[in-house]
N, C-alpha and C. Protein backbone atom coordinates (compact mmCIF):
# COMPACT_ATOMS: atom_id res chain seq x y z
N MET A 1 0.88 -0.92 -0.07
CA MET A 1 0.30 -0.05 0.06
C MET A 1 1.02 0.99 0.33
N THR A 2 0.33 1.71 -0.95
CA THR A 2 1.51 3.10 -1.10
C THR A 2 1.03 4.39 -0.19
N ASP A 3 1.92 5.74 0.36
CA ASP A 3 1.38 5.87 1.10
C ASP A 3 0.20 7.66 0.84
N GLN A 4 -0.34 7.53 -0.80
CA GLN A 4 -1.86 7.35 -1.03
C GLN A 4 -2.22 7.02 -1.66
N PRO A 5 -3.20 6.22 -1.49
CA PRO A 5 -3.43 4.69 -2.63
C PRO A 5 -4.46 5.04 -3.22
N GLN A 6 -4.30 4.45 -4.16
CA GLN A 6 -5.51 4.22 -5.02
C GLN A 6 -6.13 3.18 -4.90
N ILE A 7 -6.68 2.95 -4.47
CA ILE A 7 -7.88 2.37 -4.67
C ILE A 7 -8.78 1.45 -5.64
N ALA A 8 -8.84 0.39 -5.97
CA ALA A 8 -8.96 -0.79 -7.03
C ALA A 8 -10.83 -1.33 -6.39
N ALA A 9 -11.55 -1.12 -7.42
CA ALA A 9 -12.69 -2.21 -6.76
C ALA A 9 -11.99 -3.19 -7.29
N PRO A 10 -12.38 -4.62 -6.26
CA PRO A 10 -11.41 -6.01 -6.11
C PRO A 10 -12.80 -6.37 -7.10
N ASP A 11 -12.40 -7.86 -7.82
CA ASP A 11 -13.15 -8.75 -8.30
C ASP A 11 -13.54 -7.72 -10.00
N GLY A 12 -13.70 -7.05 -10.65
CA GLY A 12 -14.13 -6.19 -11.58
C GLY A 12 -15.41 -5.78 -10.90
N GLN A 13 -15.61 -4.99 -9.75
CA GLN A 13 -16.91 -4.56 -9.57
C GLN A 13 -16.95 -3.35 -9.48
N ASP A 14 -17.91 -2.84 -9.87
CA ASP A 14 -18.00 -0.81 -10.61
C ASP A 14 -17.58 0.25 -9.50
N ASP A 15 -16.43 1.07 -9.91
CA ASP A 15 -15.87 1.68 -8.87
C ASP A 15 -15.85 3.22 -9.26
N ASN A 16 -15.66 3.75 -8.52
CA ASN A 16 -15.92 5.37 -8.14
C ASN A 16 -15.03 6.38 -7.41
N PRO A 17 -15.26 7.70 -8.20
CA PRO A 17 -13.91 8.88 -6.63
C PRO A 17 -14.79 8.43 -4.72
N LYS A 18 -16.09 8.22 -5.12
CA LYS A 18 -16.04 8.28 -3.09
C LYS A 18 -16.11 7.38 -2.68
N ARG A 19 -16.24 5.94 -3.77
CA ARG A 19 -15.95 5.10 -2.76
C ARG A 19 -14.83 4.56 -2.54
N ARG A 20 -13.39 5.01 -3.27
CA ARG A 20 -12.00 5.17 -3.09
C ARG A 20 -11.84 6.26 -2.08
N GLN A 21 -12.98 7.36 -2.12
CA GLN A 21 -12.64 8.26 -1.11
C GLN A 21 -13.11 7.50 0.79
N ILE A 22 -13.83 6.87 0.88
CA ILE A 22 -14.07 5.91 1.86
C ILE A 22 -13.50 4.86 2.16
N LEU A 23 -13.08 3.95 0.91
CA LEU A 23 -12.03 3.20 1.46
C LEU A 23 -10.30 3.33 2.36
N VAL A 24 -9.95 5.10 1.06
CA VAL A 24 -8.97 5.61 2.42
C VAL A 24 -8.83 6.14 3.47
N GLY A 25 -10.16 6.52 3.92
CA GLY A 25 -10.62 6.74 4.95
C GLY A 25 -10.41 5.40 6.27
N ALA A 26 -10.88 4.30 5.64
CA ALA A 26 -11.52 2.95 6.15
C ALA A 26 -9.64 2.49 6.14
N ARG A 27 -9.22 2.80 5.47
CA ARG A 27 -7.64 2.59 5.93
C ARG A 27 -7.07 3.18 6.91
N GLN A 28 -6.95 4.59 6.91
CA GLN A 28 -7.07 5.64 8.36
C GLN A 28 -6.83 4.97 9.78
N MET A 29 -7.92 4.45 9.50
CA MET A 29 -8.76 4.41 10.95
C MET A 29 -8.83 2.50 11.43
N PHE A 30 -8.89 2.06 10.24
CA PHE A 30 -8.25 0.73 10.93
C PHE A 30 -6.45 0.24 10.88
N LEU A 31 -5.90 1.80 10.74
CA LEU A 31 -4.02 1.48 10.67
C LEU A 31 -4.49 1.87 12.38
N SER A 32 -5.52 3.22 12.44
CA SER A 32 -4.76 4.14 13.91
C SER A 32 -5.19 3.19 15.37
N LYS A 33 -6.97 2.87 14.61
CA LYS A 33 -7.58 2.08 15.72
C LYS A 33 -7.51 1.00 15.75
N GLY A 34 -7.38 0.23 14.84
CA GLY A 34 -7.60 -1.43 14.81
C GLY A 34 -8.77 -1.69 14.69
N PHE A 35 -9.19 -2.86 13.79
CA PHE A 35 -10.05 -3.33 13.33
C PHE A 35 -11.41 -3.66 14.19
N GLU A 36 -11.16 -3.90 15.82
CA GLU A 36 -12.62 -3.74 16.45
C GLU A 36 -12.41 -2.64 17.16
N GLY A 37 -11.66 -1.12 16.56
CA GLY A 37 -11.74 0.00 17.90
C GLY A 37 -12.69 1.09 16.68
N THR A 38 -12.75 0.46 15.13
CA THR A 38 -13.09 1.10 14.46
C THR A 38 -14.34 1.35 14.49
N SER A 39 -15.32 2.19 13.76
CA SER A 39 -16.88 2.39 14.30
C SER A 39 -17.31 2.58 12.59
N MET A 40 -18.04 2.90 12.18
CA MET A 40 -18.72 2.91 10.72
C MET A 40 -18.63 4.39 11.18
N GLN A 41 -18.69 4.99 11.99
CA GLN A 41 -19.17 6.48 12.64
C GLN A 41 -17.68 7.19 12.10
N ASP A 42 -16.43 6.21 12.96
CA ASP A 42 -14.82 6.70 12.45
C ASP A 42 -14.87 7.18 11.26
N VAL A 43 -15.09 5.57 10.02
CA VAL A 43 -14.71 5.76 8.94
C VAL A 43 -15.66 7.09 8.25
N ALA A 44 -16.77 7.48 8.65
CA ALA A 44 -17.48 8.55 7.95
C ALA A 44 -16.99 10.04 7.88
N LYS A 45 -16.15 9.99 9.21
CA LYS A 45 -15.72 11.40 9.58
C LYS A 45 -14.54 11.28 9.03
N ALA A 46 -13.83 10.69 8.86
CA ALA A 46 -11.87 10.65 8.00
C ALA A 46 -12.52 10.48 6.56
N ALA A 47 -13.48 9.64 6.22
CA ALA A 47 -13.65 10.11 4.62
C ALA A 47 -14.27 11.68 4.52
N GLY A 48 -15.12 12.02 4.85
CA GLY A 48 -15.56 12.92 4.54
C GLY A 48 -17.20 12.87 3.98
N VAL A 49 -17.68 12.04 4.94
CA VAL A 49 -18.90 11.46 4.19
C VAL A 49 -19.92 11.19 5.26
N SER A 50 -20.99 11.28 4.56
CA SER A 50 -22.39 10.99 5.78
C SER A 50 -22.34 9.60 6.12
N LYS A 51 -22.91 9.40 6.99
CA LYS A 51 -22.90 7.65 7.38
C LYS A 51 -23.84 7.55 6.77
N GLY A 52 -24.41 8.11 5.79
CA GLY A 52 -25.82 7.71 5.63
C GLY A 52 -24.87 6.94 3.39
N THR A 53 -24.14 8.11 2.92
CA THR A 53 -23.32 7.99 2.00
C THR A 53 -22.81 6.34 2.27
N LEU A 54 -21.99 6.44 3.32
CA LEU A 54 -21.73 5.01 3.80
C LEU A 54 -21.82 3.92 3.08
N TYR A 55 -22.94 3.75 3.94
CA TYR A 55 -23.86 2.77 3.56
C TYR A 55 -24.15 1.95 2.25
N VAL A 56 -24.30 3.47 1.57
CA VAL A 56 -24.35 3.53 0.17
C VAL A 56 -23.37 1.90 -0.97
N TYR A 57 -22.50 2.04 -0.23
CA TYR A 57 -21.45 1.44 -0.43
C TYR A 57 -20.98 0.09 0.35
N PHE A 58 -20.60 0.31 1.59
CA PHE A 58 -20.54 -0.96 2.68
C PHE A 58 -21.50 -1.06 3.55
N ASP A 59 -21.76 -2.41 3.95
CA ASP A 59 -22.83 -2.69 4.67
C ASP A 59 -22.33 -3.00 6.06
N SER A 60 -21.04 -3.20 5.67
CA SER A 60 -19.97 -2.73 7.39
C SER A 60 -18.61 -2.79 7.30
N LYS A 61 -17.99 -2.49 8.79
CA LYS A 61 -16.89 -2.65 7.86
C LYS A 61 -15.60 -3.60 7.85
N GLU A 62 -16.86 -4.99 8.23
CA GLU A 62 -16.08 -6.29 7.48
C GLU A 62 -15.49 -5.95 5.55
N ALA A 63 -16.81 -5.32 5.62
CA ALA A 63 -16.81 -5.37 3.55
C ALA A 63 -15.69 -4.09 3.29
N MET A 64 -15.80 -3.27 3.95
CA MET A 64 -14.58 -2.07 3.70
C MET A 64 -13.26 -3.35 4.51
N PHE A 65 -12.91 -4.09 4.94
CA PHE A 65 -11.72 -4.28 5.69
C PHE A 65 -11.14 -5.38 4.19
N GLU A 66 -12.35 -5.96 4.17
CA GLU A 66 -12.53 -6.84 2.83
C GLU A 66 -11.82 -6.21 1.76
N ALA A 67 -12.36 -5.70 1.20
CA ALA A 67 -12.36 -4.76 0.06
C ALA A 67 -10.58 -4.08 0.23
N LEU A 68 -10.49 -3.42 1.09
CA LEU A 68 -8.91 -3.33 1.35
C LEU A 68 -7.80 -4.22 0.57
N VAL A 69 -8.34 -5.70 1.75
CA VAL A 69 -7.23 -6.69 1.58
C VAL A 69 -7.23 -7.11 0.60
N LEU A 70 -8.82 -7.48 -0.47
CA LEU A 70 -8.82 -7.98 -1.80
C LEU A 70 -7.44 -7.21 -2.77
N ARG A 71 -7.69 -6.10 -2.57
CA ARG A 71 -7.17 -4.99 -3.56
C ARG A 71 -5.73 -5.65 -3.62
N GLU A 72 -4.89 -5.90 -2.01
CA GLU A 72 -3.80 -5.04 -2.29
C GLU A 72 -3.48 -7.23 -2.22
N CYS A 73 -4.14 -8.00 -2.63
CA CYS A 73 -3.74 -9.91 -3.26
C CYS A 73 -4.69 -9.41 -4.51
N GLY A 74 -5.26 -8.76 -4.83
CA GLY A 74 -5.28 -8.50 -6.32
C GLY A 74 -3.73 -8.28 -6.86
N ARG A 75 -3.39 -7.18 -6.34
CA ARG A 75 -2.22 -6.32 -7.04
C ARG A 75 -1.25 -7.72 -7.31
N LEU A 76 -1.10 -8.19 -5.84
CA LEU A 76 0.10 -9.27 -5.75
C LEU A 76 0.22 -10.60 -7.19
N GLN A 77 -1.19 -10.88 -6.54
CA GLN A 77 -1.02 -11.97 -8.02
C GLN A 77 -1.46 -11.82 -9.38
N ASP A 78 -1.64 -10.82 -9.64
CA ASP A 78 -1.37 -10.11 -11.31
C ASP A 78 -0.07 -9.51 -11.33
N THR A 79 1.24 -9.40 -10.36
CA THR A 79 2.33 -9.31 -10.49
C THR A 79 3.07 -10.28 -10.89
N MET A 80 2.59 -11.40 -9.97
CA MET A 80 3.29 -13.07 -9.56
C MET A 80 3.11 -13.62 -11.25
N ARG A 81 1.71 -13.28 -12.02
CA ARG A 81 1.85 -14.05 -13.54
C ARG A 81 2.35 -13.14 -14.41
N ARG A 82 2.64 -11.62 -14.13
CA ARG A 82 3.47 -10.82 -15.40
C ARG A 82 5.02 -11.41 -14.73
N ILE A 83 5.52 -11.37 -13.57
CA ILE A 83 6.67 -11.93 -13.62
C ILE A 83 7.17 -13.51 -14.27
N GLY A 84 5.98 -14.21 -13.64
CA GLY A 84 5.96 -15.67 -14.41
C GLY A 84 6.04 -16.17 -15.81
N SER A 85 6.29 -15.08 -16.45
CA SER A 85 5.53 -15.59 -17.74
C SER A 85 6.14 -16.91 -18.40
N GLY A 86 7.09 -17.21 -17.74
CA GLY A 86 7.64 -18.25 -18.64
C GLY A 86 9.37 -17.80 -20.01
N ASP A 87 9.39 -16.90 -19.42
CA ASP A 87 10.03 -16.16 -21.03
C ASP A 87 11.92 -16.47 -20.88
N GLY A 88 11.52 -16.37 -19.31
CA GLY A 88 13.07 -16.50 -18.38
C GLY A 88 13.58 -17.69 -17.66
N ALA A 89 15.10 -17.86 -17.74
CA ALA A 89 14.86 -18.83 -16.66
C ALA A 89 14.08 -19.03 -15.42
N VAL A 90 14.05 -20.54 -14.98
CA VAL A 90 12.99 -20.91 -13.89
C VAL A 90 13.12 -20.12 -12.56
N GLU A 91 15.07 -20.23 -12.47
CA GLU A 91 16.13 -19.85 -11.38
C GLU A 91 15.33 -18.45 -10.76
N ASP A 92 15.47 -17.29 -12.39
CA ASP A 92 15.28 -16.20 -12.12
C ASP A 92 13.71 -15.76 -11.73
N GLU A 93 12.91 -16.61 -12.23
CA GLU A 93 11.35 -15.80 -12.48
C GLU A 93 10.88 -16.03 -10.48
N LEU A 94 10.82 -17.42 -10.58
CA LEU A 94 10.98 -17.78 -9.10
C LEU A 94 11.58 -16.86 -8.19
N PHE A 95 13.13 -16.47 -8.34
CA PHE A 95 13.10 -15.60 -7.43
C PHE A 95 12.44 -14.68 -7.02
N ALA A 96 12.65 -13.59 -8.38
CA ALA A 96 11.73 -12.98 -8.70
C ALA A 96 9.61 -12.61 -8.02
N ILE A 97 9.49 -13.91 -7.98
CA ILE A 97 7.98 -14.32 -7.37
C ILE A 97 8.05 -13.92 -6.09
N ALA A 98 9.02 -14.83 -5.80
CA ALA A 98 9.96 -14.50 -3.90
C ALA A 98 9.92 -13.46 -3.27
N ARG A 99 10.50 -11.89 -4.89
CA ARG A 99 10.85 -11.55 -3.75
C ARG A 99 9.97 -10.59 -3.96
N GLN A 100 8.96 -10.19 -4.61
CA GLN A 100 7.52 -9.71 -4.76
C GLN A 100 6.71 -9.39 -4.05
N MET A 101 6.52 -11.17 -3.64
CA MET A 101 5.90 -11.85 -2.53
C MET A 101 6.27 -10.82 -0.86
N VAL A 102 7.31 -11.01 -0.70
CA VAL A 102 8.43 -10.73 -0.13
C VAL A 102 8.32 -8.92 0.34
N THR A 103 8.35 -8.29 -0.56
CA THR A 103 8.26 -7.02 -0.79
C THR A 103 6.62 -6.81 -0.50
N THR A 104 5.62 -6.74 -1.36
CA THR A 104 3.93 -6.65 -0.55
C THR A 104 4.07 -7.09 0.69
N LEU A 105 3.89 -8.51 0.98
CA LEU A 105 3.54 -8.62 2.29
C LEU A 105 4.06 -8.17 3.59
N LEU A 106 5.33 -7.93 3.17
CA LEU A 106 6.00 -7.57 4.74
C LEU A 106 5.48 -6.18 4.77
N GLN A 107 5.40 -5.16 3.70
CA GLN A 107 5.17 -4.14 3.96
C GLN A 107 4.31 -2.97 5.21
N PRO A 108 4.29 -2.60 5.87
CA PRO A 108 3.76 -2.32 7.44
C PRO A 108 2.77 -2.27 7.52
N GLU A 109 1.79 -1.71 6.82
CA GLU A 109 0.33 -1.28 6.51
C GLU A 109 0.01 -3.27 6.52
N VAL A 110 0.64 -3.44 5.45
CA VAL A 110 -0.06 -5.24 5.38
C VAL A 110 0.47 -6.26 6.44
N LEU A 111 1.66 -6.02 7.06
CA LEU A 111 1.21 -6.35 8.95
C LEU A 111 0.53 -5.76 9.29
N ALA A 112 0.05 -4.78 9.53
CA ALA A 112 -1.08 -4.56 10.61
C ALA A 112 -2.47 -5.33 10.38
N ALA A 113 -2.89 -4.90 9.01
CA ALA A 113 -3.96 -5.78 8.41
C ALA A 113 -3.76 -7.25 8.93
N MET A 114 -2.35 -7.98 8.67
CA MET A 114 -2.43 -9.24 9.16
C MET A 114 -2.79 -9.53 10.67
N ARG A 115 -2.11 -8.50 11.47
CA ARG A 115 -2.64 -8.57 13.19
C ARG A 115 -3.73 -8.62 13.33
N MET A 116 -4.29 -7.49 12.59
CA MET A 116 -5.45 -6.87 13.01
C MET A 116 -6.34 -8.56 13.20
N MET A 117 -6.39 -8.76 11.71
CA MET A 117 -6.93 -10.49 11.38
C MET A 117 -7.20 -11.53 12.02
N ILE A 118 -5.66 -11.49 13.02
CA ILE A 118 -5.50 -12.39 13.75
C ILE A 118 -6.21 -12.47 15.05
N GLY A 119 -6.37 -11.26 15.27
CA GLY A 119 -6.70 -10.42 16.35
C GLY A 119 -8.56 -11.36 16.79
N ALA A 120 -9.19 -10.52 15.21
CA ALA A 120 -10.10 -10.38 14.98
C ALA A 120 -10.72 -11.30 14.42
N GLY A 121 -9.98 -12.42 14.22
CA GLY A 121 -10.33 -14.57 13.13
C GLY A 121 -11.54 -14.47 13.98
N GLU A 122 -11.57 -14.59 15.20
CA GLU A 122 -12.49 -16.37 15.67
C GLU A 122 -13.53 -15.29 16.27
N LYS A 123 -13.65 -13.94 16.27
CA LYS A 123 -14.90 -13.28 16.15
C LYS A 123 -15.49 -12.59 14.90
N PHE A 124 -14.56 -13.13 13.66
CA PHE A 124 -15.28 -12.78 12.31
C PHE A 124 -14.88 -13.94 11.33
N PRO A 125 -15.12 -15.18 11.34
CA PRO A 125 -14.73 -16.25 11.03
C PRO A 125 -14.82 -16.15 9.46
N ASP A 126 -16.18 -15.90 9.17
CA ASP A 126 -16.42 -15.94 7.94
C ASP A 126 -14.97 -14.46 6.91
N LEU A 127 -15.10 -13.63 7.50
CA LEU A 127 -14.14 -12.71 6.75
C LEU A 127 -12.80 -13.20 6.87
N ALA A 128 -12.02 -13.87 8.04
CA ALA A 128 -10.86 -14.26 7.85
C ALA A 128 -10.99 -15.53 7.11
N HIS A 129 -12.17 -16.03 6.77
CA HIS A 129 -12.19 -17.52 5.80
C HIS A 129 -11.61 -16.54 4.21
N LYS A 130 -12.57 -15.21 3.98
CA LYS A 130 -12.11 -14.68 2.58
C LYS A 130 -11.57 -14.18 2.42
N ILE A 131 -10.54 -13.54 3.73
CA ILE A 131 -9.49 -13.12 3.34
C ILE A 131 -7.81 -14.38 2.93
N TYR A 132 -8.07 -15.12 3.16
CA TYR A 132 -7.56 -16.14 3.83
C TYR A 132 -7.50 -17.06 2.14
N GLU A 133 -8.85 -16.70 1.82
CA GLU A 133 -9.32 -17.69 -0.02
C GLU A 133 -8.50 -16.78 -0.90
N ALA A 134 -8.90 -15.07 -0.72
CA ALA A 134 -7.95 -14.32 -1.36
C ALA A 134 -7.01 -14.01 -1.71
N GLY A 135 -5.90 -14.05 -0.62
CA GLY A 135 -4.61 -13.65 -0.48
C GLY A 135 -3.91 -15.19 -0.10
N PRO A 136 -3.76 -16.23 0.77
CA PRO A 136 -2.99 -17.08 0.55
C PRO A 136 -3.33 -18.25 0.02
N ALA A 137 -4.65 -19.05 -0.49
CA ALA A 137 -5.15 -19.82 -0.78
C ALA A 137 -5.30 -19.05 -2.37
N ARG A 138 -5.42 -17.96 -2.76
CA ARG A 138 -5.34 -17.57 -4.16
C ARG A 138 -3.74 -17.86 -4.89
N SER A 139 -2.86 -16.88 -3.81
CA SER A 139 -1.53 -17.21 -4.16
C SER A 139 -1.12 -18.33 -4.97
N VAL A 140 -1.09 -19.03 -3.67
CA VAL A 140 -0.87 -20.29 -4.20
C VAL A 140 -1.03 -21.39 -5.14
N ARG A 141 -2.56 -21.04 -5.81
CA ARG A 141 -2.92 -21.36 -6.65
C ARG A 141 -2.24 -20.30 -8.15
N THR A 142 -2.21 -19.13 -7.74
CA THR A 142 -1.64 -18.45 -8.95
C THR A 142 0.08 -19.76 -9.43
N LEU A 143 0.95 -19.55 -8.28
CA LEU A 143 2.35 -20.08 -8.40
C LEU A 143 1.85 -21.22 -8.87
N GLY A 144 0.90 -22.16 -8.60
CA GLY A 144 0.65 -24.04 -9.36
C GLY A 144 0.53 -23.49 -10.90
N GLU A 145 -0.24 -22.34 -11.42
CA GLU A 145 -0.20 -21.77 -12.46
C GLU A 145 1.16 -22.26 -13.16
N TYR A 146 2.11 -21.74 -12.78
CA TYR A 146 3.34 -21.46 -13.22
C TYR A 146 4.15 -22.61 -13.15
N LEU A 147 4.07 -23.78 -11.74
CA LEU A 147 4.87 -24.33 -12.35
C LEU A 147 4.27 -25.75 -12.61
N ARG A 148 2.87 -25.65 -13.19
CA ARG A 148 2.27 -26.52 -14.13
C ARG A 148 2.96 -26.10 -15.46
N LEU A 149 3.11 -24.84 -15.81
CA LEU A 149 3.53 -24.30 -17.25
C LEU A 149 5.08 -24.54 -17.12
N ARG A 150 5.70 -24.72 -16.17
CA ARG A 150 7.51 -25.01 -16.02
C ARG A 150 7.55 -26.74 -16.67
N GLU A 151 6.84 -27.45 -15.89
CA GLU A 151 6.85 -29.03 -16.07
C GLU A 151 6.40 -29.18 -16.84
N THR A 152 5.25 -28.26 -17.80
CA THR A 152 5.06 -28.93 -19.08
C THR A 152 6.14 -28.80 -19.89
N ARG A 153 6.49 -27.94 -20.14
CA ARG A 153 8.07 -27.64 -20.64
C ARG A 153 9.35 -28.58 -20.57
N GLY A 154 9.04 -29.49 -19.19
CA GLY A 154 10.01 -30.21 -19.29
C GLY A 154 11.38 -29.44 -18.35
N ASP A 155 11.27 -28.38 -17.44
CA ASP A 155 12.01 -27.89 -16.70
C ASP A 155 11.99 -27.85 -15.25
N LEU A 156 10.59 -28.48 -15.00
CA LEU A 156 10.85 -29.20 -13.55
C LEU A 156 9.66 -30.12 -13.48
N ALA A 157 10.10 -31.23 -12.30
CA ALA A 157 9.68 -32.07 -12.30
C ALA A 157 8.54 -32.15 -11.12
N VAL A 158 7.09 -31.48 -10.61
CA VAL A 158 6.95 -31.23 -9.91
C VAL A 158 5.56 -32.40 -9.05
N GLY A 159 4.73 -32.95 -9.61
CA GLY A 159 4.28 -33.64 -9.24
C GLY A 159 2.60 -33.15 -8.96
N ASP A 160 2.47 -32.82 -7.79
CA ASP A 160 1.33 -32.03 -7.30
C ASP A 160 1.63 -30.55 -7.32
N CYS A 161 1.27 -29.93 -8.27
CA CYS A 161 1.76 -28.85 -8.62
C CYS A 161 1.52 -27.61 -7.47
N ASP A 162 -0.02 -28.06 -6.95
CA ASP A 162 -1.03 -27.11 -5.94
C ASP A 162 -0.42 -26.84 -4.46
N ALA A 163 0.22 -28.57 -4.16
CA ALA A 163 1.10 -29.34 -3.12
C ALA A 163 2.58 -28.03 -2.86
N ALA A 164 2.76 -27.87 -3.77
CA ALA A 164 4.59 -27.72 -4.28
C ALA A 164 4.44 -26.13 -3.91
N ALA A 165 3.26 -25.81 -4.92
CA ALA A 165 3.31 -24.25 -4.51
C ALA A 165 3.37 -23.54 -3.07
N ALA A 166 2.30 -24.99 -2.66
CA ALA A 166 2.19 -24.17 -1.40
C ALA A 166 3.44 -24.34 -0.07
N GLN A 167 4.16 -25.58 -0.51
CA GLN A 167 5.67 -25.39 -0.47
C GLN A 167 6.54 -24.59 -0.33
N PHE A 168 5.66 -23.91 -1.34
CA PHE A 168 6.71 -23.36 -2.12
C PHE A 168 7.22 -21.56 -0.70
N VAL A 169 5.63 -21.22 -1.23
CA VAL A 169 5.20 -20.13 -0.42
C VAL A 169 6.18 -20.10 0.99
N ASP A 170 5.74 -21.50 1.81
CA ASP A 170 5.56 -21.40 3.20
C ASP A 170 8.03 -21.63 3.58
N LEU A 171 8.47 -21.86 2.39
CA LEU A 171 9.31 -21.39 2.62
C LEU A 171 10.25 -20.76 2.57
N VAL A 172 10.03 -19.85 1.62
CA VAL A 172 10.25 -18.76 1.78
C VAL A 172 9.95 -17.95 2.10
N PHE A 173 8.90 -17.75 2.54
CA PHE A 173 8.04 -16.72 3.51
C PHE A 173 7.81 -16.93 5.04
N ALA A 174 7.28 -17.72 5.06
CA ALA A 174 6.84 -17.72 6.75
C ALA A 174 8.23 -17.41 7.79
N GLY A 175 9.59 -17.85 7.71
CA GLY A 175 10.42 -17.62 8.68
C GLY A 175 10.53 -16.12 8.27
N LEU A 176 10.99 -15.00 7.37
CA LEU A 176 10.20 -13.64 7.27
C LEU A 176 9.17 -13.16 7.69
N GLN A 177 7.95 -13.71 7.74
CA GLN A 177 6.92 -13.49 8.50
C GLN A 177 6.40 -13.12 9.75
N ARG A 178 7.59 -14.27 9.98
CA ARG A 178 7.21 -13.90 12.15
C ARG A 178 7.99 -13.70 12.39
N ARG A 179 9.31 -13.40 11.72
CA ARG A 179 9.95 -12.27 12.39
C ARG A 179 9.24 -10.59 12.14
N ALA A 180 8.68 -10.35 11.43
CA ALA A 180 8.11 -9.27 11.22
C ALA A 180 7.25 -9.20 11.81
N LEU A 181 6.09 -10.05 12.03
CA LEU A 181 4.70 -10.04 13.00
C LEU A 181 5.43 -10.10 14.33
N LEU A 182 6.21 -10.45 14.68
CA LEU A 182 6.61 -10.57 16.00
C LEU A 182 7.62 -9.50 16.25
N MET A 183 7.64 -8.36 15.44
CA MET A 183 8.97 -7.04 15.95
C MET A 183 9.87 -6.56 15.87
N MET A 184 10.48 -8.26 15.23
CA MET A 184 11.71 -8.49 15.01
C MET A 184 12.44 -7.38 13.92
N PRO A 185 13.88 -6.78 13.90
CA PRO A 185 14.14 -5.72 12.85
C PRO A 185 14.34 -6.38 11.92
N PRO A 186 13.83 -5.32 10.85
CA PRO A 186 14.46 -6.52 8.83
C PRO A 186 15.91 -6.59 8.76
N TRP A 187 15.96 -7.66 7.85
CA TRP A 187 17.68 -8.14 8.00
C TRP A 187 17.46 -6.78 6.71
N PRO A 188 18.86 -6.99 6.40
CA PRO A 188 19.36 -5.74 4.94
C PRO A 188 19.13 -6.49 3.86
N GLU A 189 19.71 -5.41 2.96
CA GLU A 189 18.48 -5.94 1.81
C GLU A 189 19.18 -6.92 1.14
N ALA A 190 20.28 -7.16 1.58
CA ALA A 190 21.15 -7.89 0.80
C ALA A 190 21.31 -9.75 1.46
N GLU A 191 21.24 -9.80 2.37
CA GLU A 191 20.61 -10.57 3.69
C GLU A 191 19.69 -10.67 3.27
N THR A 192 18.56 -10.41 2.85
CA THR A 192 17.82 -11.30 2.48
C THR A 192 17.57 -11.51 1.15
N GLU A 193 18.04 -11.22 0.49
CA GLU A 193 18.35 -11.54 -1.23
C GLU A 193 18.63 -12.69 -0.93
N ALA A 194 19.91 -12.69 -0.12
CA ALA A 194 20.47 -14.39 -0.24
C ALA A 194 20.01 -15.14 0.58
N TYR A 195 19.19 -15.04 1.28
CA TYR A 195 18.41 -16.17 2.46
C TYR A 195 16.56 -16.72 1.00
N LEU A 196 16.71 -15.32 0.36
CA LEU A 196 15.40 -16.13 -0.76
C LEU A 196 16.08 -16.98 -1.86
N ARG A 197 17.15 -16.86 -2.54
CA ARG A 197 17.64 -17.22 -3.45
C ARG A 197 18.27 -18.87 -2.65
N ARG A 198 18.78 -18.70 -1.24
CA ARG A 198 19.12 -20.42 -1.24
C ARG A 198 17.86 -21.35 -0.81
N ARG A 199 17.16 -20.61 -0.86
CA ARG A 199 15.56 -20.92 -0.52
C ARG A 199 14.98 -21.04 -2.24
N VAL A 200 14.94 -20.75 -3.30
CA VAL A 200 15.08 -20.65 -4.46
C VAL A 200 15.90 -21.68 -4.93
N GLU A 201 16.61 -22.39 -4.36
CA GLU A 201 17.90 -23.13 -4.62
C GLU A 201 17.57 -24.53 -4.21
N SER A 202 17.11 -24.68 -2.88
CA SER A 202 16.37 -25.64 -2.09
C SER A 202 15.48 -26.69 -3.23
N PHE A 203 14.39 -25.26 -3.08
CA PHE A 203 13.40 -26.23 -3.93
C PHE A 203 13.47 -26.78 -5.58
N LEU A 204 14.42 -25.80 -6.29
CA LEU A 204 14.37 -26.24 -7.45
C LEU A 204 14.95 -27.33 -7.57
N ALA A 205 16.46 -27.99 -6.44
CA ALA A 205 17.22 -28.86 -5.99
C ALA A 205 15.91 -30.24 -6.37
N ILE A 206 14.93 -30.39 -5.32
CA ILE A 206 14.36 -30.91 -5.39
C ILE A 206 13.85 -31.05 -6.22
N CYS A 207 12.69 -29.91 -7.29
CA CYS A 207 12.26 -30.08 -8.38
C CYS A 207 13.58 -30.87 -9.90
N ARG A 208 14.11 -30.90 -9.70
CA ARG A 208 15.22 -31.09 -10.69
C ARG A 208 15.10 -32.31 -10.81
N ALA A 209 15.13 -32.94 -9.15
CA ALA A 209 16.03 -34.51 -9.32
C ALA A 209 14.92 -35.12 -9.42
N GLY A 210 13.41 -34.59 -9.19
CA GLY A 210 12.53 -35.96 -9.95
C GLY A 210 12.97 -35.67 -11.04
N ARG A 211 13.72 -35.42 -11.82
CA ARG A 211 13.35 -35.44 -13.70
C ARG A 211 14.07 -36.56 -13.99
N GLY A 212 15.28 -36.97 -12.94
CA GLY A 212 16.41 -37.90 -13.25
C GLY A 212 16.01 -38.94 -13.36
């Protein structure tokens, strides 16, 4: 998320400046007061709209939070597809995908959203499920599509591409995410890059061994 986000509607929904204005206000409130501490009135005030106008576009703060998360998830998956075109070396494309995942998902605002959802998930299980499906689950499926492409070309021997994609995501991301969620200082850029390259190499070594 940028400092002045341009928030697009997820899944092809019609969008307009008023809706974007509301979501910018919602984002400010969620980050400053937390998910449960934010009221619809807070969002209306931050967005500079009436509460009635707010309800024209969103019937709950859960719907606003979902729209914000879906936007970021959609952007990540679009970027993964663009990087994973299959035109370059598989190791380079997998590293670029891993780097983009880390860059996107370890942003301070994204981490704040993760912490909010962890705290609110028990109270709002349907919302937590939707966000899981839109984020981690869909990203795994997107990566699985890429691995199938590479397997079809003979570059890799993966087998269950969706399972391998889930393993790849955990391999390259889980450790860094744990550090970030627990407020550990980030590694220097060079150390993060070396970490990701080692994990991409480990993943490819297993896949390529299957071709022997």
